[in-house]
Amino acid sequence: MSNLLRGAVTAPDRVRIETGEELSVPLAGRTGDVAIGVRPEKFRLGPPLEGENTLSGTVKETAYVGVATQYIITTGAGDIVVYAQNRDGGRPLSPESVALLSWSPESTFVLDPPQQKETAA
């Protein structure tokens, strides 16, 4: 399962998501509206490395799943699922904690945006 964020291409390597934040994304010539995806294990919790994308939110849920802790982080762009490895020895985040997500632009993929469901009038 991947996390999908809706947005629009603003430059050859930039997407503005619905929250107004601009992210660096390898677009391969795409234009217009897109959805960008990031797998849960590609996120890091904490300050970004140089050139990484960031998104902040609040921890909604946590679950220990053996080698990783699964977090559901509520952001302005929707809920994001994150798998953080348990090898670091740090204290896990608790619900209601503020979380900063970071990830490499190369860990982002681009799709056509999901179609809106039409409603009968």
PDB file of N, CA and C in Angstrom:
ATOM      1  N   MET A   1       0.840  -1.173   0.000  1.00  0.00           N
ATOM      2  CA  MET A   1       0.000   0.000   0.000  1.00  0.00           C
ATOM      3  C   MET A   1       0.889   1.241   0.000  1.00  0.00           C
ATOM      4  N   SER A   2       0.580   2.152  -0.870  1.00  0.00           N
ATOM      5  CA  SER A   2       1.331   3.403  -0.947  1.00  0.00           C
ATOM      6  C   SER A   2       0.445   4.558  -0.504  1.00  0.00           C
ATOM      7  N   ASN A   3       1.088   5.612  -0.055  1.00  0.00           N
ATOM      8  CA  ASN A   3       0.401   6.847   0.289  1.00  0.00           C
ATOM      9  C   ASN A   3       0.296   7.693  -0.961  1.00  0.00           C
ATOM     10  N   LEU A   4      -0.889   8.198  -1.274  1.00  0.00           N
ATOM     11  CA  LEU A   4      -1.090   9.032  -2.452  1.00  0.00           C
ATOM     12  C   LEU A   4      -1.502  10.436  -2.037  1.00  0.00           C
ATOM     13  N   LEU A   5      -0.870  11.417  -2.665  1.00  0.00           N
ATOM     14  CA  LEU A   5      -1.169  12.828  -2.422  1.00  0.00           C
ATOM     15  C   LEU A   5      -1.543  13.458  -3.759  1.00  0.00           C
ATOM     16  N   ARG A   6      -2.627  14.193  -3.795  1.00  0.00           N
ATOM     17  CA  ARG A   6      -3.046  14.879  -5.017  1.00  0.00           C
ATOM     18  C   ARG A   6      -2.288  16.191  -5.151  1.00  0.00           C
ATOM     19  N   GLY A   7      -2.016  16.560  -6.392  1.00  0.00           N
ATOM     20  CA  GLY A   7      -1.327  17.817  -6.625  1.00  0.00           C
ATOM     21  C   GLY A   7      -1.348  18.211  -8.078  1.00  0.00           C
ATOM     22  N   ALA A   8      -0.608  19.276  -8.363  1.00  0.00           N
ATOM     23  CA  ALA A   8      -0.497  19.774  -9.740  1.00  0.00           C
ATOM     24  C   ALA A   8       0.957  20.120 -10.012  1.00  0.00           C
ATOM     25  N   VAL A   9       1.408  19.812 -11.210  1.00  0.00           N
ATOM     26  CA  VAL A   9       2.779  20.103 -11.620  1.00  0.00           C
ATOM     27  C   VAL A   9       2.937  21.621 -11.734  1.00  0.00           C
ATOM     28  N   THR A  10       4.002  22.155 -11.116  1.00  0.00           N
ATOM     29  CA  THR A  10       4.275  23.597 -11.176  1.00  0.00           C
ATOM     30  C   THR A  10       5.583  23.901 -11.893  1.00  0.00           C
ATOM     31  N   ALA A  11       6.431  22.904 -12.080  1.00  0.00           N
ATOM     32  CA  ALA A  11       7.728  23.055 -12.747  1.00  0.00           C
ATOM     33  C   ALA A  11       8.156  21.649 -13.191  1.00  0.00           C
ATOM     34  N   PRO A  12       9.220  21.543 -13.995  1.00  0.00           N
ATOM     35  CA  PRO A  12       9.625  20.225 -14.497  1.00  0.00           C
ATOM     36  C   PRO A  12       9.921  19.187 -13.411  1.00  0.00           C
ATOM     37  N   ASP A  13      10.191  19.627 -12.177  1.00  0.00           N
ATOM     38  CA  ASP A  13      10.476  18.668 -11.105  1.00  0.00           C
ATOM     39  C   ASP A  13       9.760  19.037  -9.799  1.00  0.00           C
ATOM     40  N   ARG A  14       8.628  19.747  -9.912  1.00  0.00           N
ATOM     41  CA  ARG A  14       7.923  20.220  -8.715  1.00  0.00           C
ATOM     42  C   ARG A  14       6.421  19.952  -8.834  1.00  0.00           C
ATOM     43  N   VAL A  15       5.832  19.536  -7.685  1.00  0.00           N
ATOM     44  CA  VAL A  15       4.394  19.353  -7.579  1.00  0.00           C
ATOM     45  C   VAL A  15       3.916  20.101  -6.351  1.00  0.00           C
ATOM     46  N   ARG A  16       2.851  20.893  -6.520  1.00  0.00           N
ATOM     47  CA  ARG A  16       2.207  21.554  -5.379  1.00  0.00           C
ATOM     48  C   ARG A  16       1.035  20.670  -4.970  1.00  0.00           C
ATOM     49  N   ILE A  17       1.116  20.143  -3.721  1.00  0.00           N
ATOM     50  CA  ILE A  17       0.028  19.301  -3.245  1.00  0.00           C
ATOM     51  C   ILE A  17      -1.107  20.180  -2.722  1.00  0.00           C
ATOM     52  N   GLU A  18      -2.233  19.573  -2.398  1.00  0.00           N
ATOM     53  CA  GLU A  18      -3.439  20.304  -2.028  1.00  0.00           C
ATOM     54  C   GLU A  18      -3.254  21.235  -0.833  1.00  0.00           C
ATOM     55  N   THR A  19      -2.262  20.991   0.003  1.00  0.00           N
ATOM     56  CA  THR A  19      -2.017  21.850   1.165  1.00  0.00           C
ATOM     57  C   THR A  19      -1.263  23.118   0.790  1.00  0.00           C
ATOM     58  N   GLY A  20      -0.757  23.192  -0.452  1.00  0.00           N
ATOM     59  CA  GLY A  20       0.017  24.343  -0.906  1.00  0.00           C
ATOM     60  C   GLY A  20       1.513  24.126  -0.855  1.00  0.00           C
ATOM     61  N   GLU A  21       1.973  23.051  -0.212  1.00  0.00           N
ATOM     62  CA  GLU A  21       3.405  22.773  -0.148  1.00  0.00           C
ATOM     63  C   GLU A  21       3.898  22.265  -1.496  1.00  0.00           C
ATOM     64  N   GLU A  22       5.096  22.692  -1.867  1.00  0.00           N
ATOM     65  CA  GLU A  22       5.716  22.209  -3.104  1.00  0.00           C
ATOM     66  C   GLU A  22       6.740  21.140  -2.769  1.00  0.00           C
ATOM     67  N   LEU A  23       6.688  20.056  -3.528  1.00  0.00           N
ATOM     68  CA  LEU A  23       7.574  18.920  -3.315  1.00  0.00           C
ATOM     69  C   LEU A  23       8.402  18.675  -4.561  1.00  0.00           C
ATOM     70  N   SER A  24       9.608  18.201  -4.351  1.00  0.00           N
ATOM     71  CA  SER A  24      10.493  17.832  -5.451  1.00  0.00           C
ATOM     72  C   SER A  24      10.162  16.403  -5.861  1.00  0.00           C
ATOM     73  N   VAL A  25       9.861  16.218  -7.161  1.00  0.00           N
ATOM     74  CA  VAL A  25       9.389  14.928  -7.653  1.00  0.00           C
ATOM     75  C   VAL A  25       9.956  14.695  -9.054  1.00  0.00           C
ATOM     76  N   PRO A  26      10.505  13.496  -9.346  1.00  0.00           N
ATOM     77  CA  PRO A  26      10.918  13.204 -10.716  1.00  0.00           C
ATOM     78  C   PRO A  26       9.682  12.962 -11.588  1.00  0.00           C
ATOM     79  N   LEU A  27       9.367  13.896 -12.495  1.00  0.00           N
ATOM     80  CA  LEU A  27       8.101  13.876 -13.217  1.00  0.00           C
ATOM     81  C   LEU A  27       8.154  13.252 -14.606  1.00  0.00           C
ATOM     82  N   ALA A  28       9.299  13.143 -15.198  1.00  0.00           N
ATOM     83  CA  ALA A  28       9.442  12.546 -16.539  1.00  0.00           C
ATOM     84  C   ALA A  28       8.459  13.143 -17.541  1.00  0.00           C
ATOM     85  N   GLY A  29       8.395  14.472 -17.588  1.00  0.00           N
ATOM     86  CA  GLY A  29       7.598  15.148 -18.600  1.00  0.00           C
ATOM     87  C   GLY A  29       6.121  15.303 -18.304  1.00  0.00           C
ATOM     88  N   ARG A  30       5.669  14.903 -17.148  1.00  0.00           N
ATOM     89  CA  ARG A  30       4.244  15.037 -16.823  1.00  0.00           C
ATOM     90  C   ARG A  30       3.863  16.495 -16.612  1.00  0.00           C
ATOM     91  N   THR A  31       2.603  16.798 -16.877  1.00  0.00           N
ATOM     92  CA  THR A  31       2.055  18.129 -16.642  1.00  0.00           C
ATOM     93  C   THR A  31       0.648  17.981 -16.064  1.00  0.00           C
ATOM     94  N   GLY A  32       0.109  19.081 -15.576  1.00  0.00           N
ATOM     95  CA  GLY A  32      -1.276  19.083 -15.094  1.00  0.00           C
ATOM     96  C   GLY A  32      -1.432  18.443 -13.732  1.00  0.00           C
ATOM     97  N   ASP A  33      -2.633  17.941 -13.473  1.00  0.00           N
ATOM     98  CA  ASP A  33      -2.933  17.299 -12.199  1.00  0.00           C
ATOM     99  C   ASP A  33      -2.314  15.909 -12.154  1.00  0.00           C
ATOM    100  N   VAL A  34      -1.779  15.559 -10.991  1.00  0.00           N
ATOM    101  CA  VAL A  34      -1.159  14.250 -10.780  1.00  0.00           C
ATOM    102  C   VAL A  34      -1.454  13.784  -9.357  1.00  0.00           C
ATOM    103  N   ALA A  35      -1.143  12.536  -9.120  1.00  0.00           N
ATOM    104  CA  ALA A  35      -1.080  11.994  -7.766  1.00  0.00           C
ATOM    105  C   ALA A  35       0.352  11.529  -7.577  1.00  0.00           C
ATOM    106  N   ILE A  36       0.930  11.853  -6.432  1.00  0.00           N
ATOM    107  CA  ILE A  36       2.271  11.349  -6.149  1.00  0.00           C
ATOM    108  C   ILE A  36       2.156  10.312  -5.045  1.00  0.00           C
ATOM    109  N   GLY A  37       2.994   9.300  -5.136  1.00  0.00           N
ATOM    110  CA  GLY A  37       2.941   8.212  -4.178  1.00  0.00           C
ATOM    111  C   GLY A  37       4.279   8.002  -3.492  1.00  0.00           C
ATOM    112  N   VAL A  38       4.189   7.581  -2.231  1.00  0.00           N
ATOM    113  CA  VAL A  38       5.382   7.240  -1.451  1.00  0.00           C
ATOM    114  C   VAL A  38       5.033   6.011  -0.615  1.00  0.00           C
ATOM    115  N   ARG A  39       5.871   4.994  -0.685  1.00  0.00           N
ATOM    116  CA  ARG A  39       5.657   3.777   0.113  1.00  0.00           C
ATOM    117  C   ARG A  39       5.913   4.074   1.587  1.00  0.00           C
ATOM    118  N   PRO A  40       5.197   3.408   2.496  1.00  0.00           N
ATOM    119  CA  PRO A  40       5.322   3.698   3.935  1.00  0.00           C
ATOM    120  C   PRO A  40       6.734   3.556   4.487  1.00  0.00           C
ATOM    121  N   GLU A  41       7.518   2.627   3.958  1.00  0.00           N
ATOM    122  CA  GLU A  41       8.875   2.404   4.472  1.00  0.00           C
ATOM    123  C   GLU A  41       9.886   3.417   3.953  1.00  0.00           C
ATOM    124  N   LYS A  42       9.505   4.253   3.002  1.00  0.00           N
ATOM    125  CA  LYS A  42      10.418   5.254   2.445  1.00  0.00           C
ATOM    126  C   LYS A  42      10.449   6.548   3.247  1.00  0.00           C
ATOM    127  N   PHE A  43       9.498   6.741   4.149  1.00  0.00           N
ATOM    128  CA  PHE A  43       9.498   7.929   5.004  1.00  0.00           C
ATOM    129  C   PHE A  43      10.483   7.769   6.149  1.00  0.00           C
ATOM    130  N   ARG A  44      11.028   8.897   6.586  1.00  0.00           N
ATOM    131  CA  ARG A  44      11.816   8.961   7.813  1.00  0.00           C
ATOM    132  C   ARG A  44      11.101   9.920   8.745  1.00  0.00           C
ATOM    133  N   LEU A  45      11.151   9.637  10.024  1.00  0.00           N
ATOM    134  CA  LEU A  45      10.608  10.558  11.024  1.00  0.00           C
ATOM    135  C   LEU A  45      11.747  11.430  11.511  1.00  0.00           C
ATOM    136  N   GLY A  46      11.590  12.731  11.393  1.00  0.00           N
ATOM    137  CA  GLY A  46      12.621  13.641  11.863  1.00  0.00           C
ATOM    138  C   GLY A  46      13.080  14.595  10.789  1.00  0.00           C
ATOM    139  N   PRO A  47      14.047  15.418  11.139  1.00  0.00           N
ATOM    140  CA  PRO A  47      14.521  16.449  10.206  1.00  0.00           C
ATOM    141  C   PRO A  47      15.022  15.850   8.896  1.00  0.00           C
ATOM    142  N   PRO A  48      14.806  16.571   7.802  1.00  0.00           N
ATOM    143  CA  PRO A  48      15.214  16.049   6.499  1.00  0.00           C
ATOM    144  C   PRO A  48      16.714  16.144   6.275  1.00  0.00           C
ATOM    145  N   LEU A  49      17.195  15.265   5.419  1.00  0.00           N
ATOM    146  CA  LEU A  49      18.536  15.408   4.884  1.00  0.00           C
ATOM    147  C   LEU A  49      18.448  16.430   3.762  1.00  0.00           C
ATOM    148  N   GLU A  50      19.570  16.942   3.320  1.00  0.00           N
ATOM    149  CA  GLU A  50      19.568  17.956   2.263  1.00  0.00           C
ATOM    150  C   GLU A  50      18.834  17.452   1.021  1.00  0.00           C
ATOM    151  N   GLY A  51      17.915  18.269   0.519  1.00  0.00           N
ATOM    152  CA  GLY A  51      17.181  17.951  -0.697  1.00  0.00           C
ATOM    153  C   GLY A  51      15.954  17.087  -0.507  1.00  0.00           C
ATOM    154  N   GLU A  52      15.656  16.678   0.717  1.00  0.00           N
ATOM    155  CA  GLU A  52      14.500  15.828   0.943  1.00  0.00           C
ATOM    156  C   GLU A  52      13.214  16.652   1.063  1.00  0.00           C
ATOM    157  N   ASN A  53      12.099  16.011   0.755  1.00  0.00           N
ATOM    158  CA  ASN A  53      10.780  16.593   0.950  1.00  0.00           C
ATOM    159  C   ASN A  53      10.366  16.442   2.401  1.00  0.00           C
ATOM    160  N   THR A  54       9.489  17.317   2.865  1.00  0.00           N
ATOM    161  CA  THR A  54       8.978  17.213   4.234  1.00  0.00           C
ATOM    162  C   THR A  54       7.477  17.465   4.262  1.00  0.00           C
ATOM    163  N   LEU A  55       6.859  16.914   5.272  1.00  0.00           N
ATOM    164  CA  LEU A  55       5.446  17.108   5.543  1.00  0.00           C
ATOM    165  C   LEU A  55       5.277  16.897   7.038  1.00  0.00           C
ATOM    166  N   SER A  56       4.521  17.757   7.686  1.00  0.00           N
ATOM    167  CA  SER A  56       4.345  17.605   9.129  1.00  0.00           C
ATOM    168  C   SER A  56       2.914  17.194   9.446  1.00  0.00           C
ATOM    169  N   GLY A  57       2.752  16.603  10.609  1.00  0.00           N
ATOM    170  CA  GLY A  57       1.431  16.164  11.033  1.00  0.00           C
ATOM    171  C   GLY A  57       1.429  15.748  12.481  1.00  0.00           C
ATOM    172  N   THR A  58       0.371  15.068  12.864  1.00  0.00           N
ATOM    173  CA  THR A  58       0.190  14.603  14.233  1.00  0.00           C
ATOM    174  C   THR A  58      -0.039  13.094  14.213  1.00  0.00           C
ATOM    175  N   VAL A  59       0.598  12.386  15.144  1.00  0.00           N
ATOM    176  CA  VAL A  59       0.437  10.935  15.217  1.00  0.00           C
ATOM    177  C   VAL A  59      -1.005  10.619  15.634  1.00  0.00           C
ATOM    178  N   LYS A  60      -1.665   9.834  14.806  1.00  0.00           N
ATOM    179  CA  LYS A  60      -3.040   9.427  15.078  1.00  0.00           C
ATOM    180  C   LYS A  60      -3.068   8.058  15.762  1.00  0.00           C
ATOM    181  N   GLU A  61      -2.250   7.124  15.238  1.00  0.00           N
ATOM    182  CA  GLU A  61      -2.204   5.758  15.774  1.00  0.00           C
ATOM    183  C   GLU A  61      -0.797   5.204  15.656  1.00  0.00           C
ATOM    184  N   THR A  62      -0.472   4.271  16.540  1.00  0.00           N
ATOM    185  CA  THR A  62       0.789   3.536  16.446  1.00  0.00           C
ATOM    186  C   THR A  62       0.500   2.051  16.638  1.00  0.00           C
ATOM    187  N   ALA A  63       1.332   1.207  16.012  1.00  0.00           N
ATOM    188  CA  ALA A  63       1.229  -0.236  16.187  1.00  0.00           C
ATOM    189  C   ALA A  63       2.612  -0.843  16.039  1.00  0.00           C
ATOM    190  N   TYR A  64       3.041  -1.591  17.029  1.00  0.00           N
ATOM    191  CA  TYR A  64       4.307  -2.312  16.961  1.00  0.00           C
ATOM    192  C   TYR A  64       4.101  -3.528  16.080  1.00  0.00           C
ATOM    193  N   VAL A  65       4.907  -3.665  15.023  1.00  0.00           N
ATOM    194  CA  VAL A  65       4.761  -4.788  14.094  1.00  0.00           C
ATOM    195  C   VAL A  65       6.086  -5.534  13.931  1.00  0.00           C
ATOM    196  N   GLY A  66       6.740  -5.836  15.033  1.00  0.00           N
ATOM    197  CA  GLY A  66       7.993  -6.594  15.000  1.00  0.00           C
ATOM    198  C   GLY A  66       9.185  -5.716  14.719  1.00  0.00           C
ATOM    199  N   VAL A  67       9.711  -5.766  13.510  1.00  0.00           N
ATOM    200  CA  VAL A  67      10.915  -5.014  13.164  1.00  0.00           C
ATOM    201  C   VAL A  67      10.633  -3.536  12.932  1.00  0.00           C
ATOM    202  N   ALA A  68       9.364  -3.159  12.896  1.00  0.00           N
ATOM    203  CA  ALA A  68       9.001  -1.763  12.630  1.00  0.00           C
ATOM    204  C   ALA A  68       7.826  -1.349  13.508  1.00  0.00           C
ATOM    205  N   THR A  69       7.635  -0.060  13.610  1.00  0.00           N
ATOM    206  CA  THR A  69       6.431   0.499  14.207  1.00  0.00           C
ATOM    207  C   THR A  69       5.666   1.178  13.090  1.00  0.00           C
ATOM    208  N   GLN A  70       4.387   0.853  13.000  1.00  0.00           N
ATOM    209  CA  GLN A  70       3.532   1.500  12.000  1.00  0.00           C
ATOM    210  C   GLN A  70       2.887   2.717  12.656  1.00  0.00           C
ATOM    211  N   TYR A  71       3.019   3.844  11.968  1.00  0.00           N
ATOM    212  CA  TYR A  71       2.389   5.079  12.416  1.00  0.00           C
ATOM    213  C   TYR A  71       1.365   5.513  11.385  1.00  0.00           C
ATOM    214  N   ILE A  72       0.266   6.040  11.846  1.00  0.00           N
ATOM    215  CA  ILE A  72      -0.647   6.763  10.973  1.00  0.00           C
ATOM    216  C   ILE A  72      -0.548   8.211  11.409  1.00  0.00           C
ATOM    217  N   ILE A  73      -0.081   9.051  10.481  1.00  0.00           N
ATOM    218  CA  ILE A  73       0.161  10.462  10.755  1.00  0.00           C
ATOM    219  C   ILE A  73      -0.907  11.277  10.011  1.00  0.00           C
ATOM    220  N   THR A  74      -1.647  12.096  10.740  1.00  0.00           N
ATOM    221  CA  THR A  74      -2.639  12.966  10.122  1.00  0.00           C
ATOM    222  C   THR A  74      -1.948  14.245   9.678  1.00  0.00           C
ATOM    223  N   THR A  75      -2.044  14.540   8.381  1.00  0.00           N
ATOM    224  CA  THR A  75      -1.449  15.752   7.811  1.00  0.00           C
ATOM    225  C   THR A  75      -2.551  16.544   7.111  1.00  0.00           C
ATOM    226  N   GLY A  76      -2.234  17.743   6.681  1.00  0.00           N
ATOM    227  CA  GLY A  76      -3.181  18.530   5.913  1.00  0.00           C
ATOM    228  C   GLY A  76      -3.528  17.889   4.589  1.00  0.00           C
ATOM    229  N   ALA A  77      -2.700  16.959   4.116  1.00  0.00           N
ATOM    230  CA  ALA A  77      -2.927  16.261   2.854  1.00  0.00           C
ATOM    231  C   ALA A  77      -3.625  14.920   3.063  1.00  0.00           C
ATOM    232  N   GLY A  78      -4.009  14.611   4.297  1.00  0.00           N
ATOM    233  CA  GLY A  78      -4.667  13.340   4.617  1.00  0.00           C
ATOM    234  C   GLY A  78      -3.799  12.487   5.524  1.00  0.00           C
ATOM    235  N   ASP A  79      -4.283  11.307   5.844  1.00  0.00           N
ATOM    236  CA  ASP A  79      -3.541  10.379   6.692  1.00  0.00           C
ATOM    237  C   ASP A  79      -2.436   9.702   5.886  1.00  0.00           C
ATOM    238  N   ILE A  80      -1.248   9.627   6.482  1.00  0.00           N
ATOM    239  CA  ILE A  80      -0.071   9.009   5.873  1.00  0.00           C
ATOM    240  C   ILE A  80       0.341   7.828   6.746  1.00  0.00           C
ATOM    241  N   VAL A  81       0.567   6.678   6.120  1.00  0.00           N
ATOM    242  CA  VAL A  81       1.052   5.495   6.832  1.00  0.00           C
ATOM    243  C   VAL A  81       2.568   5.455   6.700  1.00  0.00           C
ATOM    244  N   VAL A  82       3.253   5.265   7.840  1.00  0.00           N
ATOM    245  CA  VAL A  82       4.714   5.242   7.900  1.00  0.00           C
ATOM    246  C   VAL A  82       5.147   3.981   8.642  1.00  0.00           C
ATOM    247  N   TYR A  83       6.142   3.272   8.103  1.00  0.00           N
ATOM    248  CA  TYR A  83       6.778   2.158   8.810  1.00  0.00           C
ATOM    249  C   TYR A  83       8.170   2.606   9.218  1.00  0.00           C
ATOM    250  N   ALA A  84       8.394   2.759  10.512  1.00  0.00           N
ATOM    251  CA  ALA A  84       9.707   3.163  11.022  1.00  0.00           C
ATOM    252  C   ALA A  84      10.392   1.949  11.634  1.00  0.00           C
ATOM    253  N   GLN A  85      11.609   1.673  11.166  1.00  0.00           N
ATOM    254  CA  GLN A  85      12.376   0.544  11.687  1.00  0.00           C
ATOM    255  C   GLN A  85      12.635   0.724  13.178  1.00  0.00           C
ATOM    256  N   ASN A  86      12.600  -0.370  13.934  1.00  0.00           N
ATOM    257  CA  ASN A  86      12.826  -0.329  15.378  1.00  0.00           C
ATOM    258  C   ASN A  86      14.290  -0.498  15.749  1.00  0.00           C
ATOM    259  N   ARG A  87      15.193  -0.389  14.807  1.00  0.00           N
ATOM    260  CA  ARG A  87      16.615  -0.618  15.071  1.00  0.00           C
ATOM    261  C   ARG A  87      17.314   0.585  15.674  1.00  0.00           C
ATOM    262  N   ASP A  88      16.711   1.760  15.615  1.00  0.00           N
ATOM    263  CA  ASP A  88      17.392   2.975  16.040  1.00  0.00           C
ATOM    264  C   ASP A  88      17.503   3.133  17.552  1.00  0.00           C
ATOM    265  N   GLY A  89      16.682   2.409  18.305  1.00  0.00           N
ATOM    266  CA  GLY A  89      16.761   2.487  19.755  1.00  0.00           C
ATOM    267  C   GLY A  89      16.119   3.727  20.342  1.00  0.00           C
ATOM    268  N   GLY A  90      15.564   4.600  19.521  1.00  0.00           N
ATOM    269  CA  GLY A  90      14.891   5.795  20.018  1.00  0.00           C
ATOM    270  C   GLY A  90      13.512   5.464  20.569  1.00  0.00           C
ATOM    271  N   ARG A  91      12.968   6.397  21.320  1.00  0.00           N
ATOM    272  CA  ARG A  91      11.632   6.197  21.856  1.00  0.00           C
ATOM    273  C   ARG A  91      10.605   6.387  20.742  1.00  0.00           C
ATOM    274  N   PRO A  92       9.621   5.492  20.679  1.00  0.00           N
ATOM    275  CA  PRO A  92       8.586   5.656  19.662  1.00  0.00           C
ATOM    276  C   PRO A  92       7.722   6.880  19.962  1.00  0.00           C
ATOM    277  N   LEU A  93       7.147   7.440  18.910  1.00  0.00           N
ATOM    278  CA  LEU A  93       6.225   8.559  19.086  1.00  0.00           C
ATOM    279  C   LEU A  93       4.905   8.035  19.628  1.00  0.00           C
ATOM    280  N   SER A  94       4.239   8.842  20.414  1.00  0.00           N
ATOM    281  CA  SER A  94       2.949   8.447  20.966  1.00  0.00           C
ATOM    282  C   SER A  94       1.834   9.220  20.260  1.00  0.00           C
ATOM    283  N   PRO A  95       0.609   8.710  20.339  1.00  0.00           N
ATOM    284  CA  PRO A  95      -0.508   9.438  19.733  1.00  0.00           C
ATOM    285  C   PRO A  95      -0.562  10.882  20.231  1.00  0.00           C
ATOM    286  N   GLU A  96      -0.918  11.768  19.322  1.00  0.00           N
ATOM    287  CA  GLU A  96      -0.995  13.220  19.536  1.00  0.00           C
ATOM    288  C   GLU A  96       0.364  13.913  19.457  1.00  0.00           C
ATOM    289  N   SER A  97       1.461  13.157  19.279  1.00  0.00           N
ATOM    290  CA  SER A  97       2.784  13.767  19.106  1.00  0.00           C
ATOM    291  C   SER A  97       2.859  14.434  17.737  1.00  0.00           C
ATOM    292  N   VAL A  98       3.607  15.518  17.667  1.00  0.00           N
ATOM    293  CA  VAL A  98       3.873  16.157  16.384  1.00  0.00           C
ATOM    294  C   VAL A  98       4.955  15.350  15.679  1.00  0.00           C
ATOM    295  N   ALA A  99       4.776  15.124  14.379  1.00  0.00           N
ATOM    296  CA  ALA A  99       5.732  14.333  13.606  1.00  0.00           C
ATOM    297  C   ALA A  99       6.140  15.093  12.358  1.00  0.00           C
ATOM    298  N   LEU A 100       7.425  15.055  12.046  1.00  0.00           N
ATOM    299  CA  LEU A 100       7.936  15.602  10.804  1.00  0.00           C
ATOM    300  C   LEU A 100       8.371  14.425   9.935  1.00  0.00           C
ATOM    301  N   LEU A 101       7.753  14.307   8.769  1.00  0.00           N
ATOM    302  CA  LEU A 101       8.083  13.247   7.823  1.00  0.00           C
ATOM    303  C   LEU A 101       9.044  13.798   6.782  1.00  0.00           C
ATOM    304  N   SER A 102      10.019  13.019   6.399  1.00  0.00           N
ATOM    305  CA  SER A 102      10.925  13.421   5.323  1.00  0.00           C
ATOM    306  C   SER A 102      11.174  12.207   4.434  1.00  0.00           C
ATOM    307  N   TRP A 103      11.447  12.496   3.155  1.00  0.00           N
ATOM    308  CA  TRP A 103      11.722  11.426   2.208  1.00  0.00           C
ATOM    309  C   TRP A 103      12.448  11.981   0.992  1.00  0.00           C
ATOM    310  N   SER A 104      13.167  11.103   0.339  1.00  0.00           N
ATOM    311  CA  SER A 104      13.933  11.452  -0.850  1.00  0.00           C
ATOM    312  C   SER A 104      12.996  11.642  -2.047  1.00  0.00           C
ATOM    313  N   PRO A 105      13.245  12.654  -2.882  1.00  0.00           N
ATOM    314  CA  PRO A 105      12.439  12.800  -4.094  1.00  0.00           C
ATOM    315  C   PRO A 105      12.457  11.535  -4.966  1.00  0.00           C
ATOM    316  N   GLU A 106      13.564  10.805  -4.968  1.00  0.00           N
ATOM    317  CA  GLU A 106      13.676   9.587  -5.780  1.00  0.00           C
ATOM    318  C   GLU A 106      12.775   8.468  -5.266  1.00  0.00           C
ATOM    319  N   SER A 107      12.269   8.603  -4.037  1.00  0.00           N
ATOM    320  CA  SER A 107      11.350   7.605  -3.481  1.00  0.00           C
ATOM    321  C   SER A 107       9.899   7.914  -3.828  1.00  0.00           C
ATOM    322  N   THR A 108       9.691   8.938  -4.632  1.00  0.00           N
ATOM    323  CA  THR A 108       8.349   9.379  -5.006  1.00  0.00           C
ATOM    324  C   THR A 108       8.046   8.916  -6.425  1.00  0.00           C
ATOM    325  N   PHE A 109       6.846   8.396  -6.640  1.00  0.00           N
ATOM    326  CA  PHE A 109       6.427   8.034  -7.989  1.00  0.00           C
ATOM    327  C   PHE A 109       5.172   8.832  -8.340  1.00  0.00           C
ATOM    328  N   VAL A 110       4.883   8.920  -9.624  1.00  0.00           N
ATOM    329  CA  VAL A 110       3.799   9.776 -10.110  1.00  0.00           C
ATOM    330  C   VAL A 110       2.780   8.936 -10.870  1.00  0.00           C
ATOM    331  N   LEU A 111       1.507   9.226 -10.598  1.00  0.00           N
ATOM    332  CA  LEU A 111       0.398   8.542 -11.254  1.00  0.00           C
ATOM    333  C   LEU A 111      -0.611   9.567 -11.756  1.00  0.00           C
ATOM    334  N   ASP A 112      -1.516   9.113 -12.617  1.00  0.00           N
ATOM    335  CA  ASP A 112      -2.654   9.955 -12.953  1.00  0.00           C
ATOM    336  C   ASP A 112      -3.492  10.099 -11.688  1.00  0.00           C
ATOM    337  N   PRO A 113      -4.119  11.259 -11.489  1.00  0.00           N
ATOM    338  CA  PRO A 113      -4.919  11.433 -10.268  1.00  0.00           C
ATOM    339  C   PRO A 113      -6.127  10.514 -10.273  1.00  0.00           C
ATOM    340  N   PRO A 114      -6.560  10.053  -9.090  1.00  0.00           N
ATOM    341  CA  PRO A 114      -7.788   9.247  -9.039  1.00  0.00           C
ATOM    342  C   PRO A 114      -8.961  10.054  -9.581  1.00  0.00           C
ATOM    343  N   GLN A 115      -9.827   9.394 -10.269  1.00  0.00           N
ATOM    344  CA  GLN A 115     -11.000  10.066 -10.835  1.00  0.00           C
ATOM    345  C   GLN A 115     -12.008  10.366  -9.740  1.00  0.00           C
ATOM    346  N   GLN A 116     -12.613  11.540  -9.812  1.00  0.00           N
ATOM    347  CA  GLN A 116     -13.686  11.888  -8.883  1.00  0.00           C
ATOM    348  C   GLN A 116     -14.917  11.071  -9.242  1.00  0.00           C
ATOM    349  N   LYS A 117     -15.627  10.588  -8.228  1.00  0.00           N
ATOM    350  CA  LYS A 117     -16.876   9.885  -8.481  1.00  0.00           C
ATOM    351  C   LYS A 117     -17.949  10.909  -8.805  1.00  0.00           C
ATOM    352  N   GLU A 118     -18.682  10.651  -9.865  1.00  0.00           N
ATOM    353  CA  GLU A 118     -19.766  11.557 -10.227  1.00  0.00           C
ATOM    354  C   GLU A 118     -21.003  11.195  -9.429  1.00  0.00           C
ATOM    355  N   THR A 119     -21.726  12.190  -8.980  1.00  0.00           N
ATOM    356  CA  THR A 119     -22.958  11.955  -8.231  1.00  0.00           C
ATOM    357  C   THR A 119     -24.145  12.333  -9.089  1.00  0.00           C
ATOM    358  N   ALA A 120     -25.207  11.596  -8.943  1.00  0.00           N
ATOM    359  CA  ALA A 120     -26.421  11.884  -9.705  1.00  0.00           C
ATOM    360  C   ALA A 120     -27.087  13.128  -9.145  1.00  0.00           C
ATOM    361  N   ALA A 121     -27.607  13.964 -10.040  1.00  0.00           N
ATOM    362  CA  ALA A 121     -28.260  15.198  -9.595  1.00  0.00           C
ATOM    363  C   ALA A 121     -29.721  14.979  -9.329  1.00  0.00           C
TER     364      ALA A 121
END
